[in-house]
Amino acid sequence: MIRSPANKQDITYGSAPDLSEVKEDDSPDNINNIFRSNKRRRCECSGSEESTLDSFIKSLTIWKKDTDTMLSNIQESMNVIKKQNDELLTSNSEIEKSIEFLSIKYDEIHNQLMCFQTKTKENEERFLRMEEKTEELERNSRSSTLEIRNIPIPKNPSQADLVQIVTPIFKTICVEVTHSDIFDIRHFSSKSENKTVLVTLNSVILKNSIIRSYREYNKTNPTNRLNTSVIGSEVPHQQIFIAENLTPRARRLFHRAREFAKQENYKYCWTAHGKILLRKQDNDRFIVLSSESQFNELQSKN
């Protein structure tokens, strides 16, 4: 039996039909059906592949779009960071300029301050020298003046009355003082009846002699020190004190020195020629005080 060739329209290129299904006794119609069935299966497989490819392309497109968006955001962030970095660099440059300017100003102020401190120290030293000079001049102006304290005197006494009051005091301590020896005499005004009389003499030697005699008198008469009984029996009985007329600065220092001598067991504290002196024991050298800062030095030595 001779078979007719297959129709060219029914042959599909690229995929061979499954000839195992063809039998020797198959008719032409049966063979055509087998070819059609194979062609249908091939077309069904091709559609599935196309669908998968479209899905992949779609996913790839979405991924590319997301990636582009992400890259765009990263680029924008990088631009922002770059801008901020540029701003920071500019700011740092301005800060460096400011620091440099402040450093220059600091050096200028430091130099001015050092100059000011130098001038201040010079002024302090100059002031101390002037203060010492003023103290010396004031001390010299009082070098011949005595203070006679705790004297009862009448209200508004004249200089003659004051001379009459102090004359017997000088006689008691065995010092001859005439009217011509007294340059000036006055008293401090106070509400108390016991006042201080200032006697300015014509001689510093005479003043020193009076103070020395006064101290010797009290030393010789420890139970009957110089008192107002030498002026008259009608006045209250009380002790009389004779001392140098100190400057305000020396007076404060003398008061502080007496307290210090009592605390530190110094045996002697006295004044001479307007200066304050200390001596711890009889055979020790005396110490001349010029300022209160010396007390700290003496305490550290003790």
C-alpha atoms as a PDB file:
ATOM      1  CA  MET A   1       0.000   0.000   0.000  1.00  0.00           C
ATOM      2  CA  ILE A   2       1.432   3.301  -1.171  1.00  0.00           C
ATOM      3  CA  ARG A   3       0.977   6.317   1.320  1.00  0.00           C
ATOM      4  CA  SER A   4       0.486   9.798   0.031  1.00  0.00           C
ATOM      5  CA  PRO A   5       2.886  12.442   1.314  1.00  0.00           C
ATOM      6  CA  ALA A   6       1.731  14.683   4.081  1.00  0.00           C
ATOM      7  CA  ASN A   7       0.306  18.063   3.330  1.00  0.00           C
ATOM      8  CA  LYS A   8       2.953  20.789   3.496  1.00  0.00           C
ATOM      9  CA  GLN A   9       0.603  23.008   5.491  1.00  0.00           C
ATOM     10  CA  ASP A  10       0.427  20.379   8.236  1.00  0.00           C
ATOM     11  CA  ILE A  11       4.225  20.093   8.699  1.00  0.00           C
ATOM     12  CA  THR A  12       5.612  22.158  11.568  1.00  0.00           C
ATOM     13  CA  TYR A  13       9.319  22.961  11.420  1.00  0.00           C
ATOM     14  CA  GLY A  14      11.484  22.926  14.429  1.00  0.00           C
ATOM     15  CA  SER A  15       9.726  19.986  16.144  1.00  0.00           C
ATOM     16  CA  ALA A  16       9.534  16.520  14.730  1.00  0.00           C
ATOM     17  CA  PRO A  17       6.227  14.641  15.135  1.00  0.00           C
ATOM     18  CA  ASP A  18       6.173  11.578  17.315  1.00  0.00           C
ATOM     19  CA  LEU A  19       6.154   8.841  14.638  1.00  0.00           C
ATOM     20  CA  SER A  20       5.791   6.110  17.224  1.00  0.00           C
ATOM     21  CA  GLU A  21       2.112   6.851  17.254  1.00  0.00           C
ATOM     22  CA  VAL A  22       1.821   6.097  13.532  1.00  0.00           C
ATOM     23  CA  LYS A  23       0.878   2.524  12.738  1.00  0.00           C
ATOM     24  CA  GLU A  24       1.147   0.703   9.448  1.00  0.00           C
ATOM     25  CA  ASP A  25      -2.545   0.375   9.023  1.00  0.00           C
ATOM     26  CA  ASP A  26      -3.308   4.025   9.910  1.00  0.00           C
ATOM     27  CA  SER A  27      -5.288   5.938   7.380  1.00  0.00           C
ATOM     28  CA  PRO A  28      -4.206   9.376   6.140  1.00  0.00           C
ATOM     29  CA  ASP A  29      -6.850  10.998   8.302  1.00  0.00           C
ATOM     30  CA  ASN A  30      -5.519   9.296  11.390  1.00  0.00           C
ATOM     31  CA  ILE A  31      -1.981  10.420  10.608  1.00  0.00           C
ATOM     32  CA  ASN A  32      -3.172  14.025  10.172  1.00  0.00           C
ATOM     33  CA  ASN A  33      -4.868  13.890  13.548  1.00  0.00           C
ATOM     34  CA  ILE A  34      -1.619  12.743  15.134  1.00  0.00           C
ATOM     35  CA  PHE A  35       0.261  15.689  13.571  1.00  0.00           C
ATOM     36  CA  ARG A  36      -2.443  18.116  14.725  1.00  0.00           C
ATOM     37  CA  SER A  37      -2.276  16.760  18.255  1.00  0.00           C
ATOM     38  CA  ASN A  38       1.530  17.217  18.381  1.00  0.00           C
ATOM     39  CA  LYS A  39       1.233  20.730  17.004  1.00  0.00           C
ATOM     40  CA  ARG A  40      -1.330  21.628  19.679  1.00  0.00           C
ATOM     41  CA  ARG A  41       0.926  20.374  22.463  1.00  0.00           C
ATOM     42  CA  ARG A  42       3.866  22.353  21.086  1.00  0.00           C
ATOM     43  CA  CYS A  43       1.797  25.547  20.944  1.00  0.00           C
ATOM     44  CA  GLU A  44       0.599  25.078  24.503  1.00  0.00           C
ATOM     45  CA  CYS A  45       4.235  24.783  25.737  1.00  0.00           C
ATOM     46  CA  SER A  46       5.276  27.876  23.790  1.00  0.00           C
ATOM     47  CA  GLY A  47       2.537  29.984  25.437  1.00  0.00           C
ATOM     48  CA  SER A  48       3.676  28.972  28.910  1.00  0.00           C
ATOM     49  CA  GLU A  49       7.230  29.963  28.094  1.00  0.00           C
ATOM     50  CA  GLU A  50       6.103  33.330  26.764  1.00  0.00           C
ATOM     51  CA  SER A  51       4.099  33.980  29.926  1.00  0.00           C
ATOM     52  CA  THR A  52       7.112  33.183  32.107  1.00  0.00           C
ATOM     53  CA  LEU A  53       9.320  35.454  30.014  1.00  0.00           C
ATOM     54  CA  ASP A  54       6.825  38.329  30.267  1.00  0.00           C
ATOM     55  CA  SER A  55       6.659  37.889  34.039  1.00  0.00           C
ATOM     56  CA  PHE A  56      10.470  37.909  34.271  1.00  0.00           C
ATOM     57  CA  ILE A  57      10.713  41.012  32.098  1.00  0.00           C
ATOM     58  CA  LYS A  58       8.058  42.711  34.198  1.00  0.00           C
ATOM     59  CA  SER A  59       9.881  41.822  37.422  1.00  0.00           C
ATOM     60  CA  LEU A  60      13.146  42.999  35.914  1.00  0.00           C
ATOM     61  CA  THR A  61      11.503  46.271  34.913  1.00  0.00           C
ATOM     62  CA  ILE A  62      10.121  46.785  38.411  1.00  0.00           C
ATOM     63  CA  TRP A  63      13.546  45.949  39.932  1.00  0.00           C
ATOM     64  CA  LYS A  64      15.241  48.416  37.593  1.00  0.00           C
ATOM     65  CA  LYS A  65      12.729  51.091  38.469  1.00  0.00           C
ATOM     66  CA  ASP A  66      13.218  50.495  42.226  1.00  0.00           C
ATOM     67  CA  THR A  67      16.951  50.413  41.745  1.00  0.00           C
ATOM     68  CA  ASP A  68      16.881  53.681  39.794  1.00  0.00           C
ATOM     69  CA  THR A  69      14.772  55.252  42.532  1.00  0.00           C
ATOM     70  CA  MET A  70      17.175  54.001  45.192  1.00  0.00           C
ATOM     71  CA  LEU A  71      20.195  55.233  43.281  1.00  0.00           C
ATOM     72  CA  SER A  72      18.495  58.586  42.781  1.00  0.00           C
ATOM     73  CA  ASN A  73      17.844  58.853  46.526  1.00  0.00           C
ATOM     74  CA  ILE A  74      21.442  57.893  47.255  1.00  0.00           C
ATOM     75  CA  GLN A  75      22.631  60.514  44.799  1.00  0.00           C
ATOM     76  CA  GLU A  76      20.449  63.154  46.448  1.00  0.00           C
ATOM     77  CA  SER A  77      21.768  62.105  49.860  1.00  0.00           C
ATOM     78  CA  MET A  78      25.321  62.313  48.581  1.00  0.00           C
ATOM     79  CA  ASN A  79      24.618  65.782  47.220  1.00  0.00           C
ATOM     80  CA  VAL A  80      23.195  66.854  50.579  1.00  0.00           C
ATOM     81  CA  ILE A  81      26.217  65.391  52.394  1.00  0.00           C
ATOM     82  CA  LYS A  82      28.567  67.088  49.967  1.00  0.00           C
ATOM     83  CA  LYS A  83      26.789  70.396  50.489  1.00  0.00           C
ATOM     84  CA  GLN A  84      26.943  69.973  54.264  1.00  0.00           C
ATOM     85  CA  ASN A  85      30.603  69.051  53.999  1.00  0.00           C
ATOM     86  CA  ASP A  86      31.273  72.191  51.965  1.00  0.00           C
ATOM     87  CA  GLU A  87      29.407  74.237  54.565  1.00  0.00           C
ATOM     88  CA  LEU A  88      31.426  72.597  57.341  1.00  0.00           C
ATOM     89  CA  LEU A  89      34.659  73.316  55.520  1.00  0.00           C
ATOM     90  CA  THR A  90      33.604  76.929  55.097  1.00  0.00           C
ATOM     91  CA  SER A  91      32.543  77.101  58.741  1.00  0.00           C
ATOM     92  CA  ASN A  92      35.834  75.522  59.869  1.00  0.00           C
ATOM     93  CA  SER A  93      37.731  78.036  57.815  1.00  0.00           C
ATOM     94  CA  GLU A  94      35.812  80.872  59.467  1.00  0.00           C
ATOM     95  CA  ILE A  95      36.362  79.297  62.882  1.00  0.00           C
ATOM     96  CA  GLU A  96      40.099  79.027  62.198  1.00  0.00           C
ATOM     97  CA  LYS A  97      40.154  82.689  61.203  1.00  0.00           C
ATOM     98  CA  SER A  98      38.230  83.589  64.375  1.00  0.00           C
ATOM     99  CA  ILE A  99      40.589  81.509  66.518  1.00  0.00           C
ATOM    100  CA  GLU A 100      43.580  83.147  64.896  1.00  0.00           C
ATOM    101  CA  PHE A 101      42.039  86.576  65.490  1.00  0.00           C
ATOM    102  CA  LEU A 102      41.260  85.713  69.111  1.00  0.00           C
ATOM    103  CA  SER A 103      44.796  84.377  69.567  1.00  0.00           C
ATOM    104  CA  ILE A 104      46.231  87.651  68.326  1.00  0.00           C
ATOM    105  CA  LYS A 105      43.895  89.600  70.601  1.00  0.00           C
ATOM    106  CA  TYR A 106      44.786  87.338  73.518  1.00  0.00           C
ATOM    107  CA  ASP A 107      48.479  88.000  72.972  1.00  0.00           C
ATOM    108  CA  GLU A 108      47.780  91.733  72.825  1.00  0.00           C
ATOM    109  CA  ILE A 109      45.681  91.641  76.005  1.00  0.00           C
ATOM    110  CA  HIS A 110      48.268  89.419  77.729  1.00  0.00           C
ATOM    111  CA  ASN A 111      51.034  91.876  76.858  1.00  0.00           C
ATOM    112  CA  GLN A 112      48.890  94.766  78.035  1.00  0.00           C
ATOM    113  CA  LEU A 113      48.117  92.911  81.255  1.00  0.00           C
ATOM    114  CA  MET A 114      51.783  92.168  81.877  1.00  0.00           C
ATOM    115  CA  CYS A 115      52.590  95.804  81.238  1.00  0.00           C
ATOM    116  CA  PHE A 116      49.766  96.834  83.559  1.00  0.00           C
ATOM    117  CA  GLN A 117      50.990  94.460  86.274  1.00  0.00           C
ATOM    118  CA  THR A 118      54.502  95.833  85.938  1.00  0.00           C
ATOM    119  CA  LYS A 119      53.221  99.391  86.222  1.00  0.00           C
ATOM    120  CA  THR A 120      50.979  98.401  89.138  1.00  0.00           C
ATOM    121  CA  LYS A 121      53.925  96.859  90.956  1.00  0.00           C
ATOM    122  CA  GLU A 122      55.994  99.957  90.286  1.00  0.00           C
ATOM    123  CA  ASN A 123      53.131 102.144  91.539  1.00  0.00           C
ATOM    124  CA  GLU A 124      52.747  99.990  94.654  1.00  0.00           C
ATOM    125  CA  GLU A 125      56.449 100.284  95.382  1.00  0.00           C
ATOM    126  CA  ARG A 126      56.292 104.014  94.738  1.00  0.00           C
ATOM    127  CA  PHE A 127      53.240 104.286  96.990  1.00  0.00           C
ATOM    128  CA  LEU A 128      55.006 102.349  99.763  1.00  0.00           C
ATOM    129  CA  ARG A 129      58.021 104.639  99.465  1.00  0.00           C
ATOM    130  CA  MET A 130      55.762 107.678  99.618  1.00  0.00           C
ATOM    131  CA  GLU A 131      53.898 106.188 102.570  1.00  0.00           C
ATOM    132  CA  GLU A 132      57.167 105.515 104.370  1.00  0.00           C
ATOM    133  CA  LYS A 133      58.358 109.006 103.581  1.00  0.00           C
ATOM    134  CA  THR A 134      55.086 110.512 104.826  1.00  0.00           C
ATOM    135  CA  GLU A 135      55.274 108.373 107.959  1.00  0.00           C
ATOM    136  CA  GLU A 136      58.839 109.504 108.556  1.00  0.00           C
ATOM    137  CA  LEU A 137      57.940 113.169 108.097  1.00  0.00           C
ATOM    138  CA  GLU A 138      54.949 112.850 110.404  1.00  0.00           C
ATOM    139  CA  ARG A 139      57.048 110.977 112.964  1.00  0.00           C
ATOM    140  CA  ASN A 140      59.687 113.711 112.841  1.00  0.00           C
ATOM    141  CA  SER A 141      57.027 116.361 113.308  1.00  0.00           C
ATOM    142  CA  ARG A 142      55.968 114.574 116.521  1.00  0.00           C
ATOM    143  CA  SER A 143      59.489 113.805 117.684  1.00  0.00           C
ATOM    144  CA  SER A 144      59.435 116.365 120.487  1.00  0.00           C
ATOM    145  CA  THR A 145      55.777 115.884 121.541  1.00  0.00           C
ATOM    146  CA  LEU A 146      54.616 114.043 124.668  1.00  0.00           C
ATOM    147  CA  GLU A 147      51.249 112.569 125.575  1.00  0.00           C
ATOM    148  CA  ILE A 148      50.253 112.855 129.222  1.00  0.00           C
ATOM    149  CA  ARG A 149      47.096 110.763 129.595  1.00  0.00           C
ATOM    150  CA  ASN A 150      44.408 110.306 132.221  1.00  0.00           C
ATOM    151  CA  ILE A 151      44.601 113.836 133.645  1.00  0.00           C
ATOM    152  CA  PRO A 152      41.425 115.448 135.083  1.00  0.00           C
ATOM    153  CA  ILE A 153      41.332 119.021 133.844  1.00  0.00           C
ATOM    154  CA  PRO A 154      38.678 121.757 134.062  1.00  0.00           C
ATOM    155  CA  LYS A 155      36.396 122.632 131.180  1.00  0.00           C
ATOM    156  CA  ASN A 156      37.947 124.833 128.491  1.00  0.00           C
ATOM    157  CA  PRO A 157      41.350 125.286 130.185  1.00  0.00           C
ATOM    158  CA  SER A 158      43.840 127.853 128.902  1.00  0.00           C
ATOM    159  CA  GLN A 159      47.420 126.978 127.966  1.00  0.00           C
ATOM    160  CA  ALA A 160      48.553 128.574 131.241  1.00  0.00           C
ATOM    161  CA  ASP A 161      46.199 126.262 133.147  1.00  0.00           C
ATOM    162  CA  LEU A 162      47.619 123.256 131.333  1.00  0.00           C
ATOM    163  CA  VAL A 163      51.219 124.335 132.050  1.00  0.00           C
ATOM    164  CA  GLN A 164      50.310 124.686 135.712  1.00  0.00           C
ATOM    165  CA  ILE A 165      48.888 121.137 135.702  1.00  0.00           C
ATOM    166  CA  VAL A 166      51.870 119.420 134.025  1.00  0.00           C
ATOM    167  CA  THR A 167      54.658 121.283 135.839  1.00  0.00           C
ATOM    168  CA  PRO A 168      54.339 119.333 139.141  1.00  0.00           C
ATOM    169  CA  ILE A 169      54.291 116.083 137.145  1.00  0.00           C
ATOM    170  CA  PHE A 170      57.702 116.867 135.650  1.00  0.00           C
ATOM    171  CA  LYS A 171      59.016 117.854 139.056  1.00  0.00           C
ATOM    172  CA  THR A 172      57.828 114.558 140.577  1.00  0.00           C
ATOM    173  CA  ILE A 173      59.868 112.501 138.092  1.00  0.00           C
ATOM    174  CA  CYS A 174      62.841 114.814 138.672  1.00  0.00           C
ATOM    175  CA  VAL A 175      62.976 116.600 135.321  1.00  0.00           C
ATOM    176  CA  GLU A 176      63.305 120.373 135.228  1.00  0.00           C
ATOM    177  CA  VAL A 177      60.971 121.876 132.627  1.00  0.00           C
ATOM    178  CA  THR A 178      60.537 125.638 132.388  1.00  0.00           C
ATOM    179  CA  HIS A 179      57.985 127.648 130.463  1.00  0.00           C
ATOM    180  CA  SER A 180      60.570 128.391 127.806  1.00  0.00           C
ATOM    181  CA  ASP A 181      61.073 124.637 127.246  1.00  0.00           C
ATOM    182  CA  ILE A 182      57.430 124.243 126.184  1.00  0.00           C
ATOM    183  CA  PHE A 183      56.791 125.140 122.564  1.00  0.00           C
ATOM    184  CA  ASP A 184      53.073 124.266 122.618  1.00  0.00           C
ATOM    185  CA  ILE A 185      50.539 122.622 124.902  1.00  0.00           C
ATOM    186  CA  ARG A 186      46.952 121.518 124.171  1.00  0.00           C
ATOM    187  CA  HIS A 187      44.492 118.778 125.041  1.00  0.00           C
ATOM    188  CA  PHE A 188      42.250 116.384 123.181  1.00  0.00           C
ATOM    189  CA  SER A 189      38.568 117.214 123.375  1.00  0.00           C
ATOM    190  CA  SER A 190      36.494 114.397 124.872  1.00  0.00           C
ATOM    191  CA  LYS A 191      33.329 113.927 126.903  1.00  0.00           C
ATOM    192  CA  SER A 192      35.294 112.274 129.685  1.00  0.00           C
ATOM    193  CA  GLU A 193      36.833 114.375 132.453  1.00  0.00           C
ATOM    194  CA  ASN A 194      40.070 112.424 132.072  1.00  0.00           C
ATOM    195  CA  LYS A 195      41.806 113.883 129.047  1.00  0.00           C
ATOM    196  CA  THR A 196      45.094 113.628 127.194  1.00  0.00           C
ATOM    197  CA  VAL A 197      47.415 116.624 127.171  1.00  0.00           C
ATOM    198  CA  LEU A 198      49.885 117.055 124.310  1.00  0.00           C
ATOM    199  CA  VAL A 199      53.085 118.850 125.291  1.00  0.00           C
ATOM    200  CA  THR A 200      55.410 119.904 122.455  1.00  0.00           C
ATOM    201  CA  LEU A 201      58.870 120.688 123.735  1.00  0.00           C
ATOM    202  CA  ASN A 202      61.682 122.646 122.136  1.00  0.00           C
ATOM    203  CA  SER A 203      64.068 119.703 122.442  1.00  0.00           C
ATOM    204  CA  VAL A 204      63.808 116.039 121.484  1.00  0.00           C
ATOM    205  CA  ILE A 205      66.506 115.361 124.064  1.00  0.00           C
ATOM    206  CA  LEU A 206      64.292 116.810 126.794  1.00  0.00           C
ATOM    207  CA  LYS A 207      61.341 114.716 125.626  1.00  0.00           C
ATOM    208  CA  ASN A 208      63.396 111.523 125.748  1.00  0.00           C
ATOM    209  CA  SER A 209      64.699 112.484 129.181  1.00  0.00           C
ATOM    210  CA  ILE A 210      61.125 112.920 130.512  1.00  0.00           C
ATOM    211  CA  ILE A 211      60.032 109.487 129.168  1.00  0.00           C
ATOM    212  CA  ARG A 212      63.129 107.792 130.581  1.00  0.00           C
ATOM    213  CA  SER A 213      62.624 109.421 133.993  1.00  0.00           C
ATOM    214  CA  TYR A 214      58.942 108.452 133.976  1.00  0.00           C
ATOM    215  CA  ARG A 215      59.796 104.785 133.398  1.00  0.00           C
ATOM    216  CA  GLU A 216      62.489 104.814 136.067  1.00  0.00           C
ATOM    217  CA  TYR A 217      60.068 106.419 138.538  1.00  0.00           C
ATOM    218  CA  ASN A 218      57.451 103.705 138.015  1.00  0.00           C
ATOM    219  CA  LYS A 219      60.109 101.015 138.210  1.00  0.00           C
ATOM    220  CA  THR A 220      61.376 102.459 141.493  1.00  0.00           C
ATOM    221  CA  ASN A 221      57.846 102.891 142.881  1.00  0.00           C
ATOM    222  CA  PRO A 222      55.944  99.811 141.694  1.00  0.00           C
ATOM    223  CA  THR A 223      53.251 100.164 144.394  1.00  0.00           C
ATOM    224  CA  ASN A 224      52.844 103.897 143.961  1.00  0.00           C
ATOM    225  CA  ARG A 225      53.245 104.683 140.311  1.00  0.00           C
ATOM    226  CA  LEU A 226      52.927 108.201 138.966  1.00  0.00           C
ATOM    227  CA  ASN A 227      49.361 109.373 139.711  1.00  0.00           C
ATOM    228  CA  THR A 228      47.153 112.448 140.016  1.00  0.00           C
ATOM    229  CA  SER A 229      48.023 112.992 143.678  1.00  0.00           C
ATOM    230  CA  VAL A 230      51.019 115.038 142.507  1.00  0.00           C
ATOM    231  CA  ILE A 231      48.631 117.550 140.931  1.00  0.00           C
ATOM    232  CA  GLY A 232      46.539 118.131 144.060  1.00  0.00           C
ATOM    233  CA  SER A 233      44.609 116.366 146.739  1.00  0.00           C
ATOM    234  CA  GLU A 234      41.263 117.641 145.442  1.00  0.00           C
ATOM    235  CA  VAL A 235      41.431 115.613 142.186  1.00  0.00           C
ATOM    236  CA  PRO A 236      40.478 111.902 141.963  1.00  0.00           C
ATOM    237  CA  HIS A 237      43.350 109.542 142.611  1.00  0.00           C
ATOM    238  CA  GLN A 238      44.273 107.710 139.384  1.00  0.00           C
ATOM    239  CA  GLN A 239      47.397 106.685 137.496  1.00  0.00           C
ATOM    240  CA  ILE A 240      49.051 109.026 134.984  1.00  0.00           C
ATOM    241  CA  PHE A 241      50.656 107.757 131.756  1.00  0.00           C
ATOM    242  CA  ILE A 242      53.399 109.512 129.784  1.00  0.00           C
ATOM    243  CA  ALA A 243      54.274 108.325 126.279  1.00  0.00           C
ATOM    244  CA  GLU A 244      55.448 109.462 122.895  1.00  0.00           C
ATOM    245  CA  ASN A 245      52.945 111.028 120.554  1.00  0.00           C
ATOM    246  CA  LEU A 246      52.711 108.322 117.897  1.00  0.00           C
ATOM    247  CA  THR A 247      51.362 108.603 114.377  1.00  0.00           C
ATOM    248  CA  PRO A 248      48.030 106.840 113.691  1.00  0.00           C
ATOM    249  CA  ARG A 249      49.849 104.064 111.844  1.00  0.00           C
ATOM    250  CA  ALA A 250      52.382 103.584 114.659  1.00  0.00           C
ATOM    251  CA  ARG A 251      49.592 103.686 117.239  1.00  0.00           C
ATOM    252  CA  ARG A 252      47.756 100.817 115.512  1.00  0.00           C
ATOM    253  CA  LEU A 253      50.984  98.854 115.194  1.00  0.00           C
ATOM    254  CA  PHE A 254      51.829  99.431 118.868  1.00  0.00           C
ATOM    255  CA  HIS A 255      48.405  98.169 119.936  1.00  0.00           C
ATOM    256  CA  ARG A 256      48.841  95.062 117.806  1.00  0.00           C
ATOM    257  CA  ALA A 257      52.399  94.576 119.115  1.00  0.00           C
ATOM    258  CA  ARG A 258      51.241  94.598 122.752  1.00  0.00           C
ATOM    259  CA  GLU A 259      48.693  91.885 121.978  1.00  0.00           C
ATOM    260  CA  PHE A 260      51.309  89.864 120.108  1.00  0.00           C
ATOM    261  CA  ALA A 261      53.827  90.202 122.956  1.00  0.00           C
ATOM    262  CA  LYS A 262      51.256  88.933 125.429  1.00  0.00           C
ATOM    263  CA  GLN A 263      50.330  85.932 123.248  1.00  0.00           C
ATOM    264  CA  GLU A 264      53.915  84.957 122.341  1.00  0.00           C
ATOM    265  CA  ASN A 265      55.438  85.672 125.770  1.00  0.00           C
ATOM    266  CA  TYR A 266      57.625  88.608 124.772  1.00  0.00           C
ATOM    267  CA  LYS A 267      58.925  90.313 127.902  1.00  0.00           C
ATOM    268  CA  TYR A 268      59.270  93.853 126.510  1.00  0.00           C
ATOM    269  CA  CYS A 269      57.214  95.963 124.092  1.00  0.00           C
ATOM    270  CA  TRP A 270      57.884  99.707 123.977  1.00  0.00           C
ATOM    271  CA  THR A 271      58.328 102.754 121.759  1.00  0.00           C
ATOM    272  CA  ALA A 272      61.424 104.810 121.040  1.00  0.00           C
ATOM    273  CA  HIS A 273      61.748 107.741 118.636  1.00  0.00           C
ATOM    274  CA  GLY A 274      58.286 106.995 117.297  1.00  0.00           C
ATOM    275  CA  LYS A 275      59.111 103.356 116.478  1.00  0.00           C
ATOM    276  CA  ILE A 276      57.762 100.115 117.950  1.00  0.00           C
ATOM    277  CA  LEU A 277      60.222  97.660 119.507  1.00  0.00           C
ATOM    278  CA  LEU A 278      59.969  94.096 120.839  1.00  0.00           C
ATOM    279  CA  ARG A 279      62.325  92.015 122.951  1.00  0.00           C
ATOM    280  CA  LYS A 280      61.627  88.461 124.093  1.00  0.00           C
ATOM    281  CA  GLN A 281      64.221  88.136 126.864  1.00  0.00           C
ATOM    282  CA  ASP A 282      66.644  90.465 128.633  1.00  0.00           C
ATOM    283  CA  ASN A 283      69.691  89.437 126.622  1.00  0.00           C
ATOM    284  CA  ASP A 284      67.928  89.155 123.250  1.00  0.00           C
ATOM    285  CA  ARG A 285      68.319  91.715 120.485  1.00  0.00           C
ATOM    286  CA  PHE A 286      65.378  94.057 120.131  1.00  0.00           C
ATOM    287  CA  ILE A 287      63.169  93.901 117.025  1.00  0.00           C
ATOM    288  CA  VAL A 288      62.030  97.061 115.241  1.00  0.00           C
ATOM    289  CA  LEU A 289      58.515  96.662 113.840  1.00  0.00           C
ATOM    290  CA  SER A 290      57.577  98.482 110.662  1.00  0.00           C
ATOM    291  CA  SER A 291      54.490  96.548 109.538  1.00  0.00           C
ATOM    292  CA  GLU A 292      52.021  93.933 110.764  1.00  0.00           C
ATOM    293  CA  SER A 293      53.362  91.382 108.282  1.00  0.00           C
ATOM    294  CA  GLN A 294      56.352  90.900 110.598  1.00  0.00           C
ATOM    295  CA  PHE A 295      54.133  89.214 113.185  1.00  0.00           C
ATOM    296  CA  ASN A 296      53.627  86.221 110.872  1.00  0.00           C
ATOM    297  CA  GLU A 297      57.387  85.929 110.339  1.00  0.00           C
ATOM    298  CA  LEU A 298      58.012  86.067 114.088  1.00  0.00           C
ATOM    299  CA  GLN A 299      55.357  83.402 114.729  1.00  0.00           C
ATOM    300  CA  SER A 300      56.936  81.058 112.179  1.00  0.00           C
ATOM    301  CA  LYS A 301      60.327  81.457 113.879  1.00  0.00           C
ATOM    302  CA  ASN A 302      58.844  80.691 117.279  1.00  0.00           C
END
